[in-house]
């Protein structure tokens, strides 16, 4: 919070991992669903890889 802000703002977090039937997806900040993946472990790994990819693109 900045010293000029009058009150704090609280953001609602939504779940990033979504299970639809027997498939897993993850949601990007833009609202896109990426997947499907067969397990929560796979979707978690894919989401981490996605963050690394986007971070590298921003810094190149």
Protein backbone atom coordinates (compact mmCIF):
# COMPACT_ATOMS: atom_id res chain seq x y z
CA UNK A 1 0.00 0.00 0.00
CA UNK A 2 1.27 3.46 -0.84
CA UNK A 3 1.42 6.18 1.77
CA UNK A 4 -1.08 8.22 -0.29
CA UNK A 5 -3.67 5.41 -0.34
CA UNK A 6 -6.60 6.04 1.97
CA UNK A 7 -7.60 2.40 2.46
CA UNK A 8 -6.26 -0.98 1.56
CA UNK A 9 -7.65 -2.90 -1.38
CA UNK A 10 -8.19 -6.63 -1.05
CA UNK A 11 -8.17 -8.77 -4.17
CA UNK A 12 -10.15 -11.97 -4.37
CA UNK A 13 -8.06 -14.92 -5.46
CA UNK A 14 -9.69 -17.61 -7.54
CA UNK A 15 -8.55 -21.20 -7.90
CA UNK A 16 -5.92 -21.63 -10.58
CA UNK A 17 -6.42 -25.38 -11.06
CA UNK A 18 -9.73 -26.66 -12.34
CA UNK A 19 -10.96 -30.25 -12.55
CA UNK A 20 -13.53 -30.96 -15.26
CA UNK A 21 -14.54 -34.59 -15.30
CA UNK A 22 -11.31 -36.56 -15.17
CA UNK A 23 -9.16 -33.83 -16.77
CA UNK A 24 -7.22 -30.97 -15.14
CA UNK A 25 -6.73 -27.43 -16.47
CA UNK A 26 -5.08 -24.28 -15.18
CA UNK A 27 -6.28 -20.75 -15.62
CA UNK A 28 -3.99 -17.92 -16.73
CA UNK A 29 -4.32 -14.34 -15.47
CA UNK A 30 -5.97 -13.54 -18.78
CA UNK A 31 -8.68 -16.11 -18.01
CA UNK A 32 -7.61 -18.75 -20.54
CA UNK A 33 -7.89 -22.42 -19.57
CA UNK A 34 -4.84 -24.44 -20.58
CA UNK A 35 -4.91 -28.23 -20.68
CA UNK A 36 -6.16 -30.87 -20.41
CA UNK A 37 -3.80 -32.75 -18.10
CA UNK A 38 -4.34 -36.19 -16.60
CA UNK A 39 -3.45 -35.35 -13.00
CA UNK A 40 -3.06 -32.52 -10.53
CA UNK A 41 0.69 -33.20 -10.56
CA UNK A 42 0.87 -32.71 -14.33
CA UNK A 43 -1.22 -29.53 -14.29
CA UNK A 44 0.88 -28.09 -11.46
CA UNK A 45 4.10 -28.79 -13.39
CA UNK A 46 2.63 -27.31 -16.58
CA UNK A 47 1.54 -24.16 -14.75
CA UNK A 48 5.04 -23.71 -13.32
CA UNK A 49 6.55 -24.20 -16.80
CA UNK A 50 4.12 -21.62 -18.18
CA UNK A 51 5.18 -19.04 -15.58
CA UNK A 52 8.86 -19.62 -16.43
CA UNK A 53 8.13 -19.27 -20.16
CA UNK A 54 6.22 -16.01 -19.72
CA UNK A 55 8.83 -14.62 -17.33
CA UNK A 56 11.62 -15.41 -19.80
CA UNK A 57 9.70 -13.72 -22.63
CA UNK A 58 9.24 -10.59 -20.54
CA UNK A 59 12.95 -10.39 -19.75
CA UNK A 60 14.26 -11.07 -23.27
